[in-house]
């Protein structure tokens, strides 16, 4: 019982962090001065928000929610690195 509660709290926190990082990627993409990386990272940020929203709306299984969040976080991290290295965030 306690383990299920802890897992639910961790999953909810991971979903919250995923959405927050997706929003930040989209905002940083709009601020970046790169014609190539701005639309790519903007799409990545919006896609992360949409994927998490679909995972929650469809009442997907616990495993698929974890997998969706981890994949979206990995894409967001890659977008942050790309913007930092090549996007000229000012």
C-alpha atoms as a PDB file:
ATOM      1  CA  UNK A   1       0.000   0.000   0.000  1.00  0.00           C
ATOM      2  CA  UNK A   2       2.707   2.487   0.994  1.00  0.00           C
ATOM      3  CA  UNK A   3       4.849   1.465  -1.972  1.00  0.00           C
ATOM      4  CA  UNK A   4       1.997   2.184  -4.392  1.00  0.00           C
ATOM      5  CA  UNK A   5       1.467   5.593  -2.797  1.00  0.00           C
ATOM      6  CA  UNK A   6       5.161   6.458  -3.085  1.00  0.00           C
ATOM      7  CA  UNK A   7       5.234   5.290  -6.706  1.00  0.00           C
ATOM      8  CA  UNK A   8       2.186   7.423  -7.510  1.00  0.00           C
ATOM      9  CA  UNK A   9       3.765  10.504  -5.933  1.00  0.00           C
ATOM     10  CA  UNK A  10       7.043   9.944  -7.792  1.00  0.00           C
ATOM     11  CA  UNK A  11       5.206   9.464 -11.085  1.00  0.00           C
ATOM     12  CA  UNK A  12       3.194  12.645 -10.556  1.00  0.00           C
ATOM     13  CA  UNK A  13       6.361  14.600  -9.752  1.00  0.00           C
ATOM     14  CA  UNK A  14       8.089  13.214 -12.842  1.00  0.00           C
ATOM     15  CA  UNK A  15       5.145  14.237 -15.016  1.00  0.00           C
ATOM     16  CA  UNK A  16       5.193  17.717 -13.479  1.00  0.00           C
ATOM     17  CA  UNK A  17       8.935  18.100 -14.088  1.00  0.00           C
ATOM     18  CA  UNK A  18       8.500  16.858 -17.650  1.00  0.00           C
ATOM     19  CA  UNK A  19       5.828  19.434 -18.442  1.00  0.00           C
ATOM     20  CA  UNK A  20       7.830  22.216 -16.761  1.00  0.00           C
ATOM     21  CA  UNK A  21      10.971  21.337 -18.723  1.00  0.00           C
ATOM     22  CA  UNK A  22       8.940  21.194 -21.951  1.00  0.00           C
ATOM     23  CA  UNK A  23       7.595  24.671 -21.282  1.00  0.00           C
ATOM     24  CA  UNK A  24      11.122  25.939 -20.572  1.00  0.00           C
ATOM     25  CA  UNK A  25      12.453  24.386 -23.781  1.00  0.00           C
ATOM     26  CA  UNK A  26       9.703  26.107 -25.760  1.00  0.00           C
ATOM     27  CA  UNK A  27      10.415  29.458 -24.080  1.00  0.00           C
ATOM     28  CA  UNK A  28      14.183  29.181 -24.558  1.00  0.00           C
ATOM     29  CA  UNK A  29      13.625  28.184 -28.195  1.00  0.00           C
ATOM     30  CA  UNK A  30      11.693  31.398 -28.767  1.00  0.00           C
ATOM     31  CA  UNK A  31      14.532  33.422 -27.213  1.00  0.00           C
ATOM     32  CA  UNK A  32      17.313  31.672 -29.155  1.00  0.00           C
ATOM     33  CA  UNK A  33      18.915  33.392 -32.109  1.00  0.00           C
ATOM     34  CA  UNK A  34      19.177  30.365 -34.364  1.00  0.00           C
ATOM     35  CA  UNK A  35      17.066  29.791 -37.441  1.00  0.00           C
ATOM     36  CA  UNK A  36      17.745  26.054 -37.353  1.00  0.00           C
ATOM     37  CA  UNK A  37      17.468  25.154 -33.660  1.00  0.00           C
ATOM     38  CA  UNK A  38      14.602  27.446 -32.718  1.00  0.00           C
ATOM     39  CA  UNK A  39      11.838  25.571 -34.594  1.00  0.00           C
ATOM     40  CA  UNK A  40      13.312  22.157 -33.758  1.00  0.00           C
ATOM     41  CA  UNK A  41      13.417  22.886 -30.037  1.00  0.00           C
ATOM     42  CA  UNK A  42      10.040  24.614 -30.101  1.00  0.00           C
ATOM     43  CA  UNK A  43       8.513  21.509 -31.655  1.00  0.00           C
ATOM     44  CA  UNK A  44      10.322  19.307 -29.101  1.00  0.00           C
ATOM     45  CA  UNK A  45       8.932  21.358 -26.220  1.00  0.00           C
ATOM     46  CA  UNK A  46       5.382  21.346 -27.528  1.00  0.00           C
ATOM     47  CA  UNK A  47       5.596  17.631 -28.358  1.00  0.00           C
ATOM     48  CA  UNK A  48       6.678  16.862 -24.790  1.00  0.00           C
ATOM     49  CA  UNK A  49       3.655  18.702 -23.411  1.00  0.00           C
ATOM     50  CA  UNK A  50       1.304  16.949 -25.839  1.00  0.00           C
ATOM     51  CA  UNK A  51       2.747  13.491 -25.118  1.00  0.00           C
ATOM     52  CA  UNK A  52       2.398  13.867 -21.365  1.00  0.00           C
ATOM     53  CA  UNK A  53      -1.121  15.245 -21.795  1.00  0.00           C
ATOM     54  CA  UNK A  54      -2.095  12.256 -23.965  1.00  0.00           C
ATOM     55  CA  UNK A  55      -0.589   9.812 -21.471  1.00  0.00           C
ATOM     56  CA  UNK A  56      -2.669  11.363 -18.694  1.00  0.00           C
ATOM     57  CA  UNK A  57      -5.868  11.848 -20.706  1.00  0.00           C
ATOM     58  CA  UNK A  58      -5.975   8.314 -22.066  1.00  0.00           C
ATOM     59  CA  UNK A  59      -5.428   6.886 -18.594  1.00  0.00           C
ATOM     60  CA  UNK A  60      -2.480   4.989 -19.978  1.00  0.00           C
ATOM     61  CA  UNK A  61      -0.860   2.312 -17.901  1.00  0.00           C
ATOM     62  CA  UNK A  62       1.687   3.181 -15.266  1.00  0.00           C
ATOM     63  CA  UNK A  63       4.570   1.838 -17.343  1.00  0.00           C
ATOM     64  CA  UNK A  64       3.666   3.873 -20.395  1.00  0.00           C
ATOM     65  CA  UNK A  65       3.372   7.053 -18.309  1.00  0.00           C
ATOM     66  CA  UNK A  66       6.857   6.463 -16.888  1.00  0.00           C
ATOM     67  CA  UNK A  67       8.235   5.711 -20.357  1.00  0.00           C
ATOM     68  CA  UNK A  68       6.576   8.781 -21.897  1.00  0.00           C
ATOM     69  CA  UNK A  69       7.991  11.037 -19.174  1.00  0.00           C
ATOM     70  CA  UNK A  70      11.501   9.634 -19.440  1.00  0.00           C
ATOM     71  CA  UNK A  71      11.551   9.926 -23.237  1.00  0.00           C
ATOM     72  CA  UNK A  72      10.192  13.490 -23.109  1.00  0.00           C
ATOM     73  CA  UNK A  73      12.786  14.437 -20.472  1.00  0.00           C
ATOM     74  CA  UNK A  74      15.578  12.970 -22.611  1.00  0.00           C
ATOM     75  CA  UNK A  75      14.375  14.956 -25.639  1.00  0.00           C
ATOM     76  CA  UNK A  76      14.078  18.114 -23.528  1.00  0.00           C
ATOM     77  CA  UNK A  77      17.604  17.647 -22.173  1.00  0.00           C
ATOM     78  CA  UNK A  78      18.894  17.187 -25.725  1.00  0.00           C
ATOM     79  CA  UNK A  79      17.067  20.343 -26.799  1.00  0.00           C
ATOM     80  CA  UNK A  80      18.563  22.299 -23.874  1.00  0.00           C
ATOM     81  CA  UNK A  81      22.053  21.135 -24.826  1.00  0.00           C
ATOM     82  CA  UNK A  82      21.490  21.954 -28.514  1.00  0.00           C
ATOM     83  CA  UNK A  83      20.213  25.425 -27.659  1.00  0.00           C
ATOM     84  CA  UNK A  84      23.085  26.025 -25.268  1.00  0.00           C
ATOM     85  CA  UNK A  85      25.760  24.847 -27.724  1.00  0.00           C
ATOM     86  CA  UNK A  86      24.361  26.039 -31.042  1.00  0.00           C
ATOM     87  CA  UNK A  87      21.349  28.277 -30.400  1.00  0.00           C
ATOM     88  CA  UNK A  88      23.063  31.356 -29.010  1.00  0.00           C
ATOM     89  CA  UNK A  89      20.713  31.821 -26.077  1.00  0.00           C
ATOM     90  CA  UNK A  90      21.177  35.361 -24.815  1.00  0.00           C
END
